């Protein structure tokens, strides 16, 4: 199996899509406040192909709405108000696809990957950005995703192939 690349190392070749972009672990480490220049450049590259980007986070820290707003302003992209947690389709209910394909970019199979499958979107998994200051709950969620994410996606795909509605 090949090693996953970080978000800014990916070669995203899609165009004119609605892009749901995860925040923690994808463009910044857990609870990061500012996107690094490489991530900003990659977001601008994705936007230059006519893609509409919307930040979507599962963070439940007290300041998550302000942090999302700050990152959205820095990247000049919209944000999904996270009243519901991924992989709930309610997390992206405010997005208008208008016949465009949807792409979900994130670091976790159990949230981002399953959201993409539920929405009929393409999922691009990236290598998780870690920081020594990551919370224990974030580290545990990462371990849970590593252990249970691939089997969950495999089961989802198998049930979908059998046309069992989840």
C-alpha atoms as a PDB file:
ATOM      1  CA  UNK A   1       0.000   0.000   0.000  1.00  0.00           C
ATOM      2  CA  UNK A   2       1.339   3.413  -0.901  1.00  0.00           C
ATOM      3  CA  UNK A   3       1.809   6.062   1.720  1.00  0.00           C
ATOM      4  CA  UNK A   4      -0.874   8.746   1.877  1.00  0.00           C
ATOM      5  CA  UNK A   5       0.166  12.263   0.948  1.00  0.00           C
ATOM      6  CA  UNK A   6      -0.615  15.392   2.925  1.00  0.00           C
ATOM      7  CA  UNK A   7      -3.303  17.701   1.526  1.00  0.00           C
ATOM      8  CA  UNK A   8      -0.837  20.153   0.005  1.00  0.00           C
ATOM      9  CA  UNK A   9       1.137  17.309  -1.664  1.00  0.00           C
ATOM     10  CA  UNK A  10      -1.878  15.945  -3.547  1.00  0.00           C
ATOM     11  CA  UNK A  11      -2.421  16.437  -7.250  1.00  0.00           C
ATOM     12  CA  UNK A  12      -6.127  17.280  -7.461  1.00  0.00           C
ATOM     13  CA  UNK A  13      -7.208  16.997 -11.102  1.00  0.00           C
ATOM     14  CA  UNK A  14     -10.969  17.557 -10.755  1.00  0.00           C
ATOM     15  CA  UNK A  15     -12.749  20.721 -11.918  1.00  0.00           C
ATOM     16  CA  UNK A  16     -16.127  22.445 -11.472  1.00  0.00           C
ATOM     17  CA  UNK A  17     -16.949  20.434  -8.368  1.00  0.00           C
ATOM     18  CA  UNK A  18     -18.334  21.193  -4.944  1.00  0.00           C
ATOM     19  CA  UNK A  19     -15.492  20.384  -2.557  1.00  0.00           C
ATOM     20  CA  UNK A  20     -16.137  19.574   1.090  1.00  0.00           C
ATOM     21  CA  UNK A  21     -12.807  20.166   2.799  1.00  0.00           C
ATOM     22  CA  UNK A  22     -12.158  18.822   6.287  1.00  0.00           C
ATOM     23  CA  UNK A  23     -10.221  21.076   8.642  1.00  0.00           C
ATOM     24  CA  UNK A  24      -8.566  19.345  11.618  1.00  0.00           C
ATOM     25  CA  UNK A  25      -5.925  16.888  10.496  1.00  0.00           C
ATOM     26  CA  UNK A  26      -6.402  17.815   6.836  1.00  0.00           C
ATOM     27  CA  UNK A  27      -5.361  21.458   6.347  1.00  0.00           C
ATOM     28  CA  UNK A  28      -4.220  22.131   9.928  1.00  0.00           C
ATOM     29  CA  UNK A  29      -3.347  19.939  12.913  1.00  0.00           C
ATOM     30  CA  UNK A  30      -6.055  19.458  15.557  1.00  0.00           C
ATOM     31  CA  UNK A  31      -7.399  22.893  16.519  1.00  0.00           C
ATOM     32  CA  UNK A  32      -4.909  24.754  14.306  1.00  0.00           C
ATOM     33  CA  UNK A  33      -5.721  28.441  13.972  1.00  0.00           C
ATOM     34  CA  UNK A  34      -4.012  29.386  10.710  1.00  0.00           C
ATOM     35  CA  UNK A  35      -3.563  27.427   7.477  1.00  0.00           C
ATOM     36  CA  UNK A  36       0.089  27.178   6.438  1.00  0.00           C
ATOM     37  CA  UNK A  37       1.137  28.843   3.162  1.00  0.00           C
ATOM     38  CA  UNK A  38       1.329  25.472   1.379  1.00  0.00           C
ATOM     39  CA  UNK A  39      -2.307  24.691   2.260  1.00  0.00           C
ATOM     40  CA  UNK A  40      -3.408  28.182   1.159  1.00  0.00           C
ATOM     41  CA  UNK A  41      -1.636  27.670  -2.173  1.00  0.00           C
ATOM     42  CA  UNK A  42      -3.300  24.267  -2.638  1.00  0.00           C
ATOM     43  CA  UNK A  43      -6.757  25.707  -1.866  1.00  0.00           C
ATOM     44  CA  UNK A  44      -6.126  28.485  -4.407  1.00  0.00           C
ATOM     45  CA  UNK A  45      -5.049  25.894  -6.968  1.00  0.00           C
ATOM     46  CA  UNK A  46      -8.255  23.906  -6.410  1.00  0.00           C
ATOM     47  CA  UNK A  47     -10.366  27.078  -6.688  1.00  0.00           C
ATOM     48  CA  UNK A  48      -8.590  28.066  -9.917  1.00  0.00           C
ATOM     49  CA  UNK A  49     -10.222  25.067 -11.628  1.00  0.00           C
ATOM     50  CA  UNK A  50     -13.729  26.389 -10.980  1.00  0.00           C
ATOM     51  CA  UNK A  51     -14.264  24.355  -7.822  1.00  0.00           C
ATOM     52  CA  UNK A  52     -16.347  25.705  -4.945  1.00  0.00           C
ATOM     53  CA  UNK A  53     -14.804  24.855  -1.568  1.00  0.00           C
ATOM     54  CA  UNK A  54     -16.631  24.621   1.727  1.00  0.00           C
ATOM     55  CA  UNK A  55     -14.848  23.928   5.019  1.00  0.00           C
ATOM     56  CA  UNK A  56     -16.536  21.297   7.164  1.00  0.00           C
ATOM     57  CA  UNK A  57     -15.402  20.389  10.673  1.00  0.00           C
ATOM     58  CA  UNK A  58     -16.532  18.029  13.409  1.00  0.00           C
ATOM     59  CA  UNK A  59     -14.752  20.017  16.094  1.00  0.00           C
ATOM     60  CA  UNK A  60     -16.738  20.634  19.244  1.00  0.00           C
ATOM     61  CA  UNK A  61     -14.294  22.932  20.993  1.00  0.00           C
ATOM     62  CA  UNK A  62     -15.848  26.050  22.429  1.00  0.00           C
ATOM     63  CA  UNK A  63     -14.350  28.310  19.770  1.00  0.00           C
ATOM     64  CA  UNK A  64     -14.876  26.089  16.729  1.00  0.00           C
ATOM     65  CA  UNK A  65     -17.297  28.476  14.966  1.00  0.00           C
ATOM     66  CA  UNK A  66     -14.883  31.396  15.303  1.00  0.00           C
ATOM     67  CA  UNK A  67     -11.957  29.229  14.229  1.00  0.00           C
ATOM     68  CA  UNK A  68     -13.847  28.012  11.156  1.00  0.00           C
ATOM     69  CA  UNK A  69     -14.821  31.577  10.286  1.00  0.00           C
ATOM     70  CA  UNK A  70     -11.180  32.690  10.593  1.00  0.00           C
ATOM     71  CA  UNK A  71      -9.923  29.828   8.409  1.00  0.00           C
ATOM     72  CA  UNK A  72     -12.720  30.413   5.891  1.00  0.00           C
ATOM     73  CA  UNK A  73     -11.772  34.095   5.672  1.00  0.00           C
ATOM     74  CA  UNK A  74      -8.074  33.277   5.348  1.00  0.00           C
ATOM     75  CA  UNK A  75      -8.734  30.762   2.547  1.00  0.00           C
ATOM     76  CA  UNK A  76     -11.570  32.835   1.026  1.00  0.00           C
ATOM     77  CA  UNK A  77     -13.958  29.866   1.024  1.00  0.00           C
ATOM     78  CA  UNK A  78     -17.358  29.211   2.554  1.00  0.00           C
ATOM     79  CA  UNK A  79     -17.949  27.176   5.693  1.00  0.00           C
ATOM     80  CA  UNK A  80     -20.594  24.586   6.502  1.00  0.00           C
ATOM     81  CA  UNK A  81     -22.258  25.423   9.792  1.00  0.00           C
ATOM     82  CA  UNK A  82     -21.664  22.203  11.686  1.00  0.00           C
ATOM     83  CA  UNK A  83     -24.852  21.683  13.595  1.00  0.00           C
ATOM     84  CA  UNK A  84     -24.599  17.993  12.785  1.00  0.00           C
ATOM     85  CA  UNK A  85     -21.514  15.818  12.829  1.00  0.00           C
ATOM     86  CA  UNK A  86     -20.076  14.022   9.840  1.00  0.00           C
ATOM     87  CA  UNK A  87     -20.957  11.504   8.411  1.00  0.00           C
ATOM     88  CA  UNK A  88     -24.497  12.901   8.754  1.00  0.00           C
ATOM     89  CA  UNK A  89     -25.740  14.342   5.477  1.00  0.00           C
ATOM     90  CA  UNK A  90     -27.134  17.219   7.558  1.00  0.00           C
ATOM     91  CA  UNK A  91     -23.519  18.414   7.933  1.00  0.00           C
ATOM     92  CA  UNK A  92     -23.545  19.418   4.248  1.00  0.00           C
ATOM     93  CA  UNK A  93     -27.262  20.071   3.766  1.00  0.00           C
ATOM     94  CA  UNK A  94     -26.664  23.763   3.030  1.00  0.00           C
ATOM     95  CA  UNK A  95     -24.531  23.022  -0.048  1.00  0.00           C
ATOM     96  CA  UNK A  96     -26.002  23.491  -3.520  1.00  0.00           C
ATOM     97  CA  UNK A  97     -24.559  20.977  -5.991  1.00  0.00           C
ATOM     98  CA  UNK A  98     -26.470  22.254  -9.044  1.00  0.00           C
ATOM     99  CA  UNK A  99     -25.585  19.117 -10.989  1.00  0.00           C
ATOM    100  CA  UNK A 100     -21.887  19.387 -10.165  1.00  0.00           C
ATOM    101  CA  UNK A 101     -19.915  16.454  -8.785  1.00  0.00           C
ATOM    102  CA  UNK A 102     -19.004  16.540  -5.104  1.00  0.00           C
ATOM    103  CA  UNK A 103     -15.575  15.728  -3.722  1.00  0.00           C
ATOM    104  CA  UNK A 104     -14.871  15.221  -0.009  1.00  0.00           C
ATOM    105  CA  UNK A 105     -11.253  15.676   1.097  1.00  0.00           C
ATOM    106  CA  UNK A 106     -10.337  14.541   4.583  1.00  0.00           C
ATOM    107  CA  UNK A 107      -8.161  12.438   6.818  1.00  0.00           C
ATOM    108  CA  UNK A 108     -10.665   9.978   8.302  1.00  0.00           C
ATOM    109  CA  UNK A 109     -12.637   7.125   6.780  1.00  0.00           C
ATOM    110  CA  UNK A 110     -15.248   7.077   9.562  1.00  0.00           C
ATOM    111  CA  UNK A 111     -16.270  10.696   9.129  1.00  0.00           C
ATOM    112  CA  UNK A 112     -15.091  12.083   5.802  1.00  0.00           C
ATOM    113  CA  UNK A 113     -15.074   8.812   3.866  1.00  0.00           C
ATOM    114  CA  UNK A 114     -18.513   7.716   5.008  1.00  0.00           C
ATOM    115  CA  UNK A 115     -19.902  11.219   4.422  1.00  0.00           C
ATOM    116  CA  UNK A 116     -18.651  11.037   0.827  1.00  0.00           C
ATOM    117  CA  UNK A 117     -20.252   7.639   0.317  1.00  0.00           C
ATOM    118  CA  UNK A 118     -23.551   8.764   1.822  1.00  0.00           C
ATOM    119  CA  UNK A 119     -23.571  11.846  -0.422  1.00  0.00           C
ATOM    120  CA  UNK A 120     -22.609   9.942  -3.566  1.00  0.00           C
ATOM    121  CA  UNK A 121     -19.355  11.898  -3.672  1.00  0.00           C
ATOM    122  CA  UNK A 122     -15.768  11.049  -4.432  1.00  0.00           C
ATOM    123  CA  UNK A 123     -13.551  10.709  -1.355  1.00  0.00           C
ATOM    124  CA  UNK A 124      -9.893  11.681  -1.365  1.00  0.00           C
ATOM    125  CA  UNK A 125      -8.132  10.620   1.802  1.00  0.00           C
ATOM    126  CA  UNK A 126      -5.073  12.587   2.865  1.00  0.00           C
ATOM    127  CA  UNK A 127      -2.411  11.923   5.445  1.00  0.00           C
ATOM    128  CA  UNK A 128      -3.368  13.265   8.850  1.00  0.00           C
ATOM    129  CA  UNK A 129      -1.461  16.284  10.143  1.00  0.00           C
ATOM    130  CA  UNK A 130      -0.347  15.644  13.686  1.00  0.00           C
ATOM    131  CA  UNK A 131       0.941  17.957  16.355  1.00  0.00           C
ATOM    132  CA  UNK A 132       2.473  17.076  19.736  1.00  0.00           C
ATOM    133  CA  UNK A 133      -0.185  19.351  21.285  1.00  0.00           C
ATOM    134  CA  UNK A 134      -3.082  17.274  19.871  1.00  0.00           C
ATOM    135  CA  UNK A 135      -5.688  16.459  22.481  1.00  0.00           C
ATOM    136  CA  UNK A 136      -5.951  12.900  23.788  1.00  0.00           C
ATOM    137  CA  UNK A 137      -9.474  12.655  22.358  1.00  0.00           C
ATOM    138  CA  UNK A 138      -8.123  13.589  18.929  1.00  0.00           C
ATOM    139  CA  UNK A 139      -5.378  10.981  19.178  1.00  0.00           C
ATOM    140  CA  UNK A 140      -7.893   8.330  20.232  1.00  0.00           C
ATOM    141  CA  UNK A 141     -10.239   9.243  17.360  1.00  0.00           C
ATOM    142  CA  UNK A 142      -7.314   8.800  14.991  1.00  0.00           C
ATOM    143  CA  UNK A 143      -6.527   5.340  16.401  1.00  0.00           C
ATOM    144  CA  UNK A 144     -10.189   4.338  16.177  1.00  0.00           C
ATOM    145  CA  UNK A 145     -10.293   5.492  12.557  1.00  0.00           C
ATOM    146  CA  UNK A 146      -7.116   3.575  11.694  1.00  0.00           C
ATOM    147  CA  UNK A 147      -8.534   0.374  13.208  1.00  0.00           C
ATOM    148  CA  UNK A 148     -12.213   0.590  12.268  1.00  0.00           C
ATOM    149  CA  UNK A 149     -12.296   2.978   9.302  1.00  0.00           C
ATOM    150  CA  UNK A 150     -11.156   0.625   6.515  1.00  0.00           C
ATOM    151  CA  UNK A 151     -13.506  -2.216   7.589  1.00  0.00           C
ATOM    152  CA  UNK A 152     -16.409   0.240   7.922  1.00  0.00           C
ATOM    153  CA  UNK A 153     -15.811   1.542   4.394  1.00  0.00           C
ATOM    154  CA  UNK A 154     -15.499  -2.006   3.065  1.00  0.00           C
ATOM    155  CA  UNK A 155     -18.777  -3.015   4.729  1.00  0.00           C
ATOM    156  CA  UNK A 156     -20.506   0.133   3.438  1.00  0.00           C
ATOM    157  CA  UNK A 157     -19.329  -0.567  -0.099  1.00  0.00           C
ATOM    158  CA  UNK A 158     -20.399  -4.228   0.111  1.00  0.00           C
ATOM    159  CA  UNK A 159     -23.859  -3.332   1.415  1.00  0.00           C
ATOM    160  CA  UNK A 160     -24.206  -0.621  -1.215  1.00  0.00           C
ATOM    161  CA  UNK A 161     -23.314  -3.126  -3.915  1.00  0.00           C
ATOM    162  CA  UNK A 162     -26.123  -5.299  -2.603  1.00  0.00           C
ATOM    163  CA  UNK A 163     -28.420  -2.254  -2.783  1.00  0.00           C
ATOM    164  CA  UNK A 164     -29.107  -2.252   0.946  1.00  0.00           C
ATOM    165  CA  UNK A 165     -30.056   1.280   1.911  1.00  0.00           C
ATOM    166  CA  UNK A 166     -28.235   2.609   4.983  1.00  0.00           C
END
